[in-house]
């Protein structure tokens, strides 16, 4: 029988500074740079709020390329959380390093992005419960073939290296890495990310951006 881990599971929110023209670039041809940045800010705020509401552990905001942006500072003040700069040449390296830094004590950690406004606090609670009950990993599949959440008890660079980020093959490639490592994992409900113009359908009722 797996040994239960401590109750506290850190939640790391990965995001970019909401600079117009540098975020949600695939949406810019449809809604413009300013509105795309506004949507990014709204989804980031929602992601942090959901993570805090879940109450599974301390929430940290991991930012690139800098933490020095008014929106990020406002979130820090509002939610009383730490801002951390992502370090690494690509997304996979940055994710691995962040999770490795927070998994050192054996509790595990959960990482989410700011692209899934349909994330629920219950998703985070299920992810934390899975890690506490002994799963090596928990993953939240995105409908586009990626994932909106990943939780690990320990971070292994093989899970994040050589992944074609932004493609529809991210989820299956990650599952293959789990199998190769002999990991046992749990999957959450599939959710919709907001990355492309087609993802905007029905979003206006959820976020006023």
C-alpha atoms as a PDB file:
ATOM      1  CA  UNK A   1       0.000   0.000   0.000  1.00  0.00           C
ATOM      2  CA  UNK A   2       1.396   3.418  -0.994  1.00  0.00           C
ATOM      3  CA  UNK A   3       2.488   5.701   1.800  1.00  0.00           C
ATOM      4  CA  UNK A   4       0.468   8.908   1.922  1.00  0.00           C
ATOM      5  CA  UNK A   5       2.466  12.092   1.516  1.00  0.00           C
ATOM      6  CA  UNK A   6       2.011  15.297   3.551  1.00  0.00           C
ATOM      7  CA  UNK A   7      -1.028  17.455   2.807  1.00  0.00           C
ATOM      8  CA  UNK A   8       0.767  20.499   1.422  1.00  0.00           C
ATOM      9  CA  UNK A   9       1.376  20.411  -2.347  1.00  0.00           C
ATOM     10  CA  UNK A  10       2.822  23.601  -3.904  1.00  0.00           C
ATOM     11  CA  UNK A  11       1.093  24.963  -7.009  1.00  0.00           C
ATOM     12  CA  UNK A  12       3.297  26.685  -9.590  1.00  0.00           C
ATOM     13  CA  UNK A  13       1.544  28.957 -12.092  1.00  0.00           C
ATOM     14  CA  UNK A  14       3.595  29.407 -15.271  1.00  0.00           C
ATOM     15  CA  UNK A  15       2.993  32.557 -17.293  1.00  0.00           C
ATOM     16  CA  UNK A  16       4.462  35.265 -19.469  1.00  0.00           C
ATOM     17  CA  UNK A  17       4.405  38.956 -18.627  1.00  0.00           C
ATOM     18  CA  UNK A  18       1.273  40.292 -20.399  1.00  0.00           C
ATOM     19  CA  UNK A  19       3.033  42.559 -22.898  1.00  0.00           C
ATOM     20  CA  UNK A  20       0.912  43.380 -25.974  1.00  0.00           C
ATOM     21  CA  UNK A  21       2.342  41.706 -29.046  1.00  0.00           C
ATOM     22  CA  UNK A  22       4.217  39.087 -26.986  1.00  0.00           C
ATOM     23  CA  UNK A  23       1.339  37.018 -25.582  1.00  0.00           C
ATOM     24  CA  UNK A  24      -1.498  35.142 -27.278  1.00  0.00           C
ATOM     25  CA  UNK A  25       0.176  35.876 -30.615  1.00  0.00           C
ATOM     26  CA  UNK A  26      -2.012  33.404 -32.532  1.00  0.00           C
ATOM     27  CA  UNK A  27      -5.061  35.403 -31.460  1.00  0.00           C
ATOM     28  CA  UNK A  28      -3.704  38.807 -32.507  1.00  0.00           C
ATOM     29  CA  UNK A  29      -4.910  38.586 -36.143  1.00  0.00           C
ATOM     30  CA  UNK A  30      -8.465  38.109 -34.833  1.00  0.00           C
ATOM     31  CA  UNK A  31      -8.730  40.325 -31.735  1.00  0.00           C
ATOM     32  CA  UNK A  32      -5.638  42.570 -31.884  1.00  0.00           C
ATOM     33  CA  UNK A  33      -2.549  42.797 -29.685  1.00  0.00           C
ATOM     34  CA  UNK A  34      -4.087  44.889 -26.889  1.00  0.00           C
ATOM     35  CA  UNK A  35      -7.165  42.724 -26.545  1.00  0.00           C
ATOM     36  CA  UNK A  36      -5.051  39.552 -26.697  1.00  0.00           C
ATOM     37  CA  UNK A  37      -2.928  40.892 -23.835  1.00  0.00           C
ATOM     38  CA  UNK A  38      -6.111  41.744 -21.929  1.00  0.00           C
ATOM     39  CA  UNK A  39      -7.365  38.206 -22.369  1.00  0.00           C
ATOM     40  CA  UNK A  40      -4.021  36.890 -21.161  1.00  0.00           C
ATOM     41  CA  UNK A  41      -4.245  39.062 -18.039  1.00  0.00           C
ATOM     42  CA  UNK A  42      -7.804  37.921 -17.336  1.00  0.00           C
ATOM     43  CA  UNK A  43      -6.923  34.246 -17.708  1.00  0.00           C
ATOM     44  CA  UNK A  44      -3.822  34.639 -15.561  1.00  0.00           C
ATOM     45  CA  UNK A  45      -5.858  36.307 -12.821  1.00  0.00           C
ATOM     46  CA  UNK A  46      -8.399  33.496 -13.004  1.00  0.00           C
ATOM     47  CA  UNK A  47      -5.696  30.799 -12.874  1.00  0.00           C
ATOM     48  CA  UNK A  48      -4.111  32.289  -9.762  1.00  0.00           C
ATOM     49  CA  UNK A  49      -7.489  32.805  -8.115  1.00  0.00           C
ATOM     50  CA  UNK A  50      -8.445  29.180  -8.790  1.00  0.00           C
ATOM     51  CA  UNK A  51      -5.119  27.928  -7.440  1.00  0.00           C
ATOM     52  CA  UNK A  52      -5.483  29.957  -4.250  1.00  0.00           C
ATOM     53  CA  UNK A  53      -9.110  28.890  -3.839  1.00  0.00           C
ATOM     54  CA  UNK A  54      -8.112  25.211  -4.097  1.00  0.00           C
ATOM     55  CA  UNK A  55      -6.064  25.578  -0.914  1.00  0.00           C
ATOM     56  CA  UNK A  56      -3.831  22.571  -1.563  1.00  0.00           C
ATOM     57  CA  UNK A  57      -0.584  24.404  -0.804  1.00  0.00           C
ATOM     58  CA  UNK A  58       1.397  27.606  -1.394  1.00  0.00           C
ATOM     59  CA  UNK A  59       0.899  29.221  -4.799  1.00  0.00           C
ATOM     60  CA  UNK A  60       3.823  30.725  -6.699  1.00  0.00           C
ATOM     61  CA  UNK A  61       3.793  32.705  -9.940  1.00  0.00           C
ATOM     62  CA  UNK A  62       6.653  31.690 -12.230  1.00  0.00           C
ATOM     63  CA  UNK A  63       7.168  34.359 -14.888  1.00  0.00           C
ATOM     64  CA  UNK A  64       9.106  34.949 -18.081  1.00  0.00           C
ATOM     65  CA  UNK A  65      10.971  36.954 -19.187  1.00  0.00           C
ATOM     66  CA  UNK A  66      10.718  39.056 -16.009  1.00  0.00           C
ATOM     67  CA  UNK A  67       8.651  39.562 -12.864  1.00  0.00           C
ATOM     68  CA  UNK A  68       8.888  43.336 -13.275  1.00  0.00           C
ATOM     69  CA  UNK A  69       5.461  44.090 -14.758  1.00  0.00           C
ATOM     70  CA  UNK A  70       2.593  46.030 -13.120  1.00  0.00           C
ATOM     71  CA  UNK A  71       0.085  43.222 -13.639  1.00  0.00           C
ATOM     72  CA  UNK A  72       2.354  40.644 -12.021  1.00  0.00           C
ATOM     73  CA  UNK A  73       3.095  42.939  -9.093  1.00  0.00           C
ATOM     74  CA  UNK A  74      -0.622  43.588  -8.626  1.00  0.00           C
ATOM     75  CA  UNK A  75      -1.314  39.850  -8.496  1.00  0.00           C
ATOM     76  CA  UNK A  76       1.506  39.440  -5.989  1.00  0.00           C
ATOM     77  CA  UNK A  77      -0.020  42.081  -3.712  1.00  0.00           C
ATOM     78  CA  UNK A  78      -3.577  40.831  -4.107  1.00  0.00           C
ATOM     79  CA  UNK A  79      -2.851  37.175  -3.394  1.00  0.00           C
ATOM     80  CA  UNK A  80       0.293  37.509  -1.243  1.00  0.00           C
ATOM     81  CA  UNK A  81       2.338  35.072  -3.285  1.00  0.00           C
ATOM     82  CA  UNK A  82       5.926  34.835  -4.474  1.00  0.00           C
ATOM     83  CA  UNK A  83       7.052  35.803  -7.966  1.00  0.00           C
ATOM     84  CA  UNK A  84       9.833  33.686  -9.454  1.00  0.00           C
ATOM     85  CA  UNK A  85      11.659  34.083 -12.776  1.00  0.00           C
ATOM     86  CA  UNK A  86      11.649  31.002 -15.009  1.00  0.00           C
ATOM     87  CA  UNK A  87      15.143  29.825 -15.921  1.00  0.00           C
ATOM     88  CA  UNK A  88      16.071  27.763 -18.960  1.00  0.00           C
ATOM     89  CA  UNK A  89      16.519  27.810 -22.711  1.00  0.00           C
ATOM     90  CA  UNK A  90      13.111  26.316 -23.517  1.00  0.00           C
ATOM     91  CA  UNK A  91       9.792  25.589 -21.856  1.00  0.00           C
ATOM     92  CA  UNK A  92      10.666  22.006 -20.992  1.00  0.00           C
ATOM     93  CA  UNK A  93      13.847  22.978 -19.183  1.00  0.00           C
ATOM     94  CA  UNK A  94      12.052  25.742 -17.302  1.00  0.00           C
ATOM     95  CA  UNK A  95       9.241  23.428 -16.204  1.00  0.00           C
ATOM     96  CA  UNK A  96      11.644  20.712 -15.084  1.00  0.00           C
ATOM     97  CA  UNK A  97      13.763  23.134 -13.073  1.00  0.00           C
ATOM     98  CA  UNK A  98      10.757  24.709 -11.387  1.00  0.00           C
ATOM     99  CA  UNK A  99       9.241  21.375 -10.390  1.00  0.00           C
ATOM    100  CA  UNK A 100      12.606  19.968  -9.310  1.00  0.00           C
ATOM    101  CA  UNK A 101      13.100  22.956  -7.022  1.00  0.00           C
ATOM    102  CA  UNK A 102       9.771  22.334  -5.306  1.00  0.00           C
ATOM    103  CA  UNK A 103       9.874  18.514  -5.234  1.00  0.00           C
ATOM    104  CA  UNK A 104      13.143  18.297  -3.337  1.00  0.00           C
ATOM    105  CA  UNK A 105      11.413  17.463  -0.060  1.00  0.00           C
ATOM    106  CA  UNK A 106       9.500  14.540  -1.576  1.00  0.00           C
ATOM    107  CA  UNK A 107       6.054  16.100  -1.287  1.00  0.00           C
ATOM    108  CA  UNK A 108       5.671  16.760  -4.973  1.00  0.00           C
ATOM    109  CA  UNK A 109       4.288  19.802  -6.778  1.00  0.00           C
ATOM    110  CA  UNK A 110       1.699  20.755  -9.360  1.00  0.00           C
ATOM    111  CA  UNK A 111       2.315  23.080 -12.312  1.00  0.00           C
ATOM    112  CA  UNK A 112      -0.372  24.834 -14.341  1.00  0.00           C
ATOM    113  CA  UNK A 113      -0.336  27.438 -17.082  1.00  0.00           C
ATOM    114  CA  UNK A 114      -2.552  30.464 -17.541  1.00  0.00           C
ATOM    115  CA  UNK A 115      -4.167  29.290 -20.793  1.00  0.00           C
ATOM    116  CA  UNK A 116      -7.016  27.207 -19.347  1.00  0.00           C
ATOM    117  CA  UNK A 117      -9.786  29.375 -17.883  1.00  0.00           C
ATOM    118  CA  UNK A 118     -11.880  26.213 -17.503  1.00  0.00           C
ATOM    119  CA  UNK A 119      -9.581  24.852 -14.800  1.00  0.00           C
ATOM    120  CA  UNK A 120     -11.489  24.230 -11.563  1.00  0.00           C
ATOM    121  CA  UNK A 121     -10.265  24.182  -7.988  1.00  0.00           C
ATOM    122  CA  UNK A 122     -11.527  20.589  -7.853  1.00  0.00           C
ATOM    123  CA  UNK A 123      -8.966  19.687 -10.551  1.00  0.00           C
ATOM    124  CA  UNK A 124      -6.160  20.921  -8.331  1.00  0.00           C
ATOM    125  CA  UNK A 125      -7.570  19.101  -5.332  1.00  0.00           C
ATOM    126  CA  UNK A 126      -7.719  15.849  -7.308  1.00  0.00           C
ATOM    127  CA  UNK A 127      -4.162  16.357  -8.533  1.00  0.00           C
ATOM    128  CA  UNK A 128      -2.855  16.961  -5.019  1.00  0.00           C
ATOM    129  CA  UNK A 129      -4.798  13.965  -3.722  1.00  0.00           C
ATOM    130  CA  UNK A 130      -3.293  11.761  -6.407  1.00  0.00           C
ATOM    131  CA  UNK A 131       0.241  12.733  -5.415  1.00  0.00           C
ATOM    132  CA  UNK A 132      -0.522  12.305  -1.730  1.00  0.00           C
ATOM    133  CA  UNK A 133      -1.885   8.835  -2.413  1.00  0.00           C
ATOM    134  CA  UNK A 134       1.316   7.766  -4.122  1.00  0.00           C
ATOM    135  CA  UNK A 135       0.931   8.452  -7.849  1.00  0.00           C
ATOM    136  CA  UNK A 136       4.225   9.375  -9.498  1.00  0.00           C
ATOM    137  CA  UNK A 137       2.447  11.930 -11.667  1.00  0.00           C
ATOM    138  CA  UNK A 138      -0.912  13.503 -12.420  1.00  0.00           C
ATOM    139  CA  UNK A 139      -1.775  15.093 -15.742  1.00  0.00           C
ATOM    140  CA  UNK A 140      -4.701  17.182 -16.991  1.00  0.00           C
ATOM    141  CA  UNK A 141      -5.260  16.553 -20.712  1.00  0.00           C
ATOM    142  CA  UNK A 142      -6.085  19.516 -22.918  1.00  0.00           C
ATOM    143  CA  UNK A 143      -8.482  18.989 -25.805  1.00  0.00           C
ATOM    144  CA  UNK A 144      -5.852  20.166 -28.296  1.00  0.00           C
ATOM    145  CA  UNK A 145      -3.458  17.319 -27.477  1.00  0.00           C
ATOM    146  CA  UNK A 146      -1.412  19.129 -24.857  1.00  0.00           C
ATOM    147  CA  UNK A 147      -1.980  19.365 -21.119  1.00  0.00           C
ATOM    148  CA  UNK A 148      -3.137  22.122 -18.796  1.00  0.00           C
ATOM    149  CA  UNK A 149      -1.740  20.623 -15.570  1.00  0.00           C
ATOM    150  CA  UNK A 150       1.086  18.343 -14.581  1.00  0.00           C
ATOM    151  CA  UNK A 151       1.941  17.188 -11.095  1.00  0.00           C
ATOM    152  CA  UNK A 152       4.917  15.059 -10.106  1.00  0.00           C
ATOM    153  CA  UNK A 153       6.328  13.649  -6.906  1.00  0.00           C
ATOM    154  CA  UNK A 154       9.812  14.066  -8.350  1.00  0.00           C
ATOM    155  CA  UNK A 155      10.855  15.827 -11.531  1.00  0.00           C
ATOM    156  CA  UNK A 156      12.751  13.929 -14.212  1.00  0.00           C
ATOM    157  CA  UNK A 157      14.202  15.866 -17.149  1.00  0.00           C
ATOM    158  CA  UNK A 158      13.205  13.024 -19.504  1.00  0.00           C
ATOM    159  CA  UNK A 159       9.552  13.990 -19.049  1.00  0.00           C
ATOM    160  CA  UNK A 160      10.197  17.447 -20.491  1.00  0.00           C
ATOM    161  CA  UNK A 161      13.043  17.050 -23.003  1.00  0.00           C
ATOM    162  CA  UNK A 162      12.549  16.638 -26.732  1.00  0.00           C
ATOM    163  CA  UNK A 163       8.874  17.594 -26.561  1.00  0.00           C
ATOM    164  CA  UNK A 164       7.380  19.503 -29.506  1.00  0.00           C
ATOM    165  CA  UNK A 165       5.709  22.170 -27.377  1.00  0.00           C
ATOM    166  CA  UNK A 166       2.630  23.750 -28.928  1.00  0.00           C
ATOM    167  CA  UNK A 167       1.871  20.716 -31.067  1.00  0.00           C
ATOM    168  CA  UNK A 168      -0.967  18.232 -30.718  1.00  0.00           C
ATOM    169  CA  UNK A 169       1.488  15.510 -29.700  1.00  0.00           C
ATOM    170  CA  UNK A 170       2.550  16.842 -26.303  1.00  0.00           C
ATOM    171  CA  UNK A 171       0.169  14.732 -24.219  1.00  0.00           C
ATOM    172  CA  UNK A 172       0.902  11.424 -25.899  1.00  0.00           C
ATOM    173  CA  UNK A 173       4.659  12.095 -25.848  1.00  0.00           C
ATOM    174  CA  UNK A 174       4.443  12.793 -22.114  1.00  0.00           C
ATOM    175  CA  UNK A 175       2.476   9.609 -21.494  1.00  0.00           C
ATOM    176  CA  UNK A 176       5.215   7.720 -23.360  1.00  0.00           C
ATOM    177  CA  UNK A 177       7.845   9.259 -21.071  1.00  0.00           C
ATOM    178  CA  UNK A 178       5.842   8.171 -18.013  1.00  0.00           C
ATOM    179  CA  UNK A 179       5.698   4.614 -19.361  1.00  0.00           C
ATOM    180  CA  UNK A 180       9.429   4.573 -20.096  1.00  0.00           C
ATOM    181  CA  UNK A 181      10.159   5.644 -16.526  1.00  0.00           C
ATOM    182  CA  UNK A 182       7.807   3.025 -15.121  1.00  0.00           C
ATOM    183  CA  UNK A 183       5.701   5.720 -13.496  1.00  0.00           C
ATOM    184  CA  UNK A 184       2.123   5.289 -12.355  1.00  0.00           C
ATOM    185  CA  UNK A 185      -0.004   8.307 -13.153  1.00  0.00           C
ATOM    186  CA  UNK A 186      -3.544   9.604 -12.942  1.00  0.00           C
ATOM    187  CA  UNK A 187      -5.430  11.701 -15.463  1.00  0.00           C
ATOM    188  CA  UNK A 188      -7.941  14.450 -14.781  1.00  0.00           C
ATOM    189  CA  UNK A 189     -10.906  15.557 -16.886  1.00  0.00           C
ATOM    190  CA  UNK A 190     -10.036  16.977 -20.293  1.00  0.00           C
ATOM    191  CA  UNK A 191     -10.257  20.777 -20.492  1.00  0.00           C
ATOM    192  CA  UNK A 192     -10.029  23.346 -23.282  1.00  0.00           C
ATOM    193  CA  UNK A 193      -6.989  25.608 -23.571  1.00  0.00           C
ATOM    194  CA  UNK A 194      -7.301  29.007 -25.241  1.00  0.00           C
ATOM    195  CA  UNK A 195      -4.532  29.377 -27.799  1.00  0.00           C
ATOM    196  CA  UNK A 196      -6.109  29.688 -31.244  1.00  0.00           C
ATOM    197  CA  UNK A 197      -8.996  31.725 -32.710  1.00  0.00           C
ATOM    198  CA  UNK A 198     -11.295  28.691 -32.643  1.00  0.00           C
ATOM    199  CA  UNK A 199     -10.795  28.440 -28.880  1.00  0.00           C
ATOM    200  CA  UNK A 200     -12.545  31.776 -28.296  1.00  0.00           C
ATOM    201  CA  UNK A 201     -16.021  30.352 -28.911  1.00  0.00           C
ATOM    202  CA  UNK A 202     -18.171  30.824 -25.833  1.00  0.00           C
ATOM    203  CA  UNK A 203     -15.402  32.490 -23.863  1.00  0.00           C
ATOM    204  CA  UNK A 204     -17.025  35.918 -23.709  1.00  0.00           C
ATOM    205  CA  UNK A 205     -19.506  34.664 -21.129  1.00  0.00           C
ATOM    206  CA  UNK A 206     -16.658  33.509 -18.899  1.00  0.00           C
ATOM    207  CA  UNK A 207     -14.174  36.380 -19.241  1.00  0.00           C
ATOM    208  CA  UNK A 208     -14.824  40.022 -20.081  1.00  0.00           C
ATOM    209  CA  UNK A 209     -11.575  40.952 -21.748  1.00  0.00           C
END
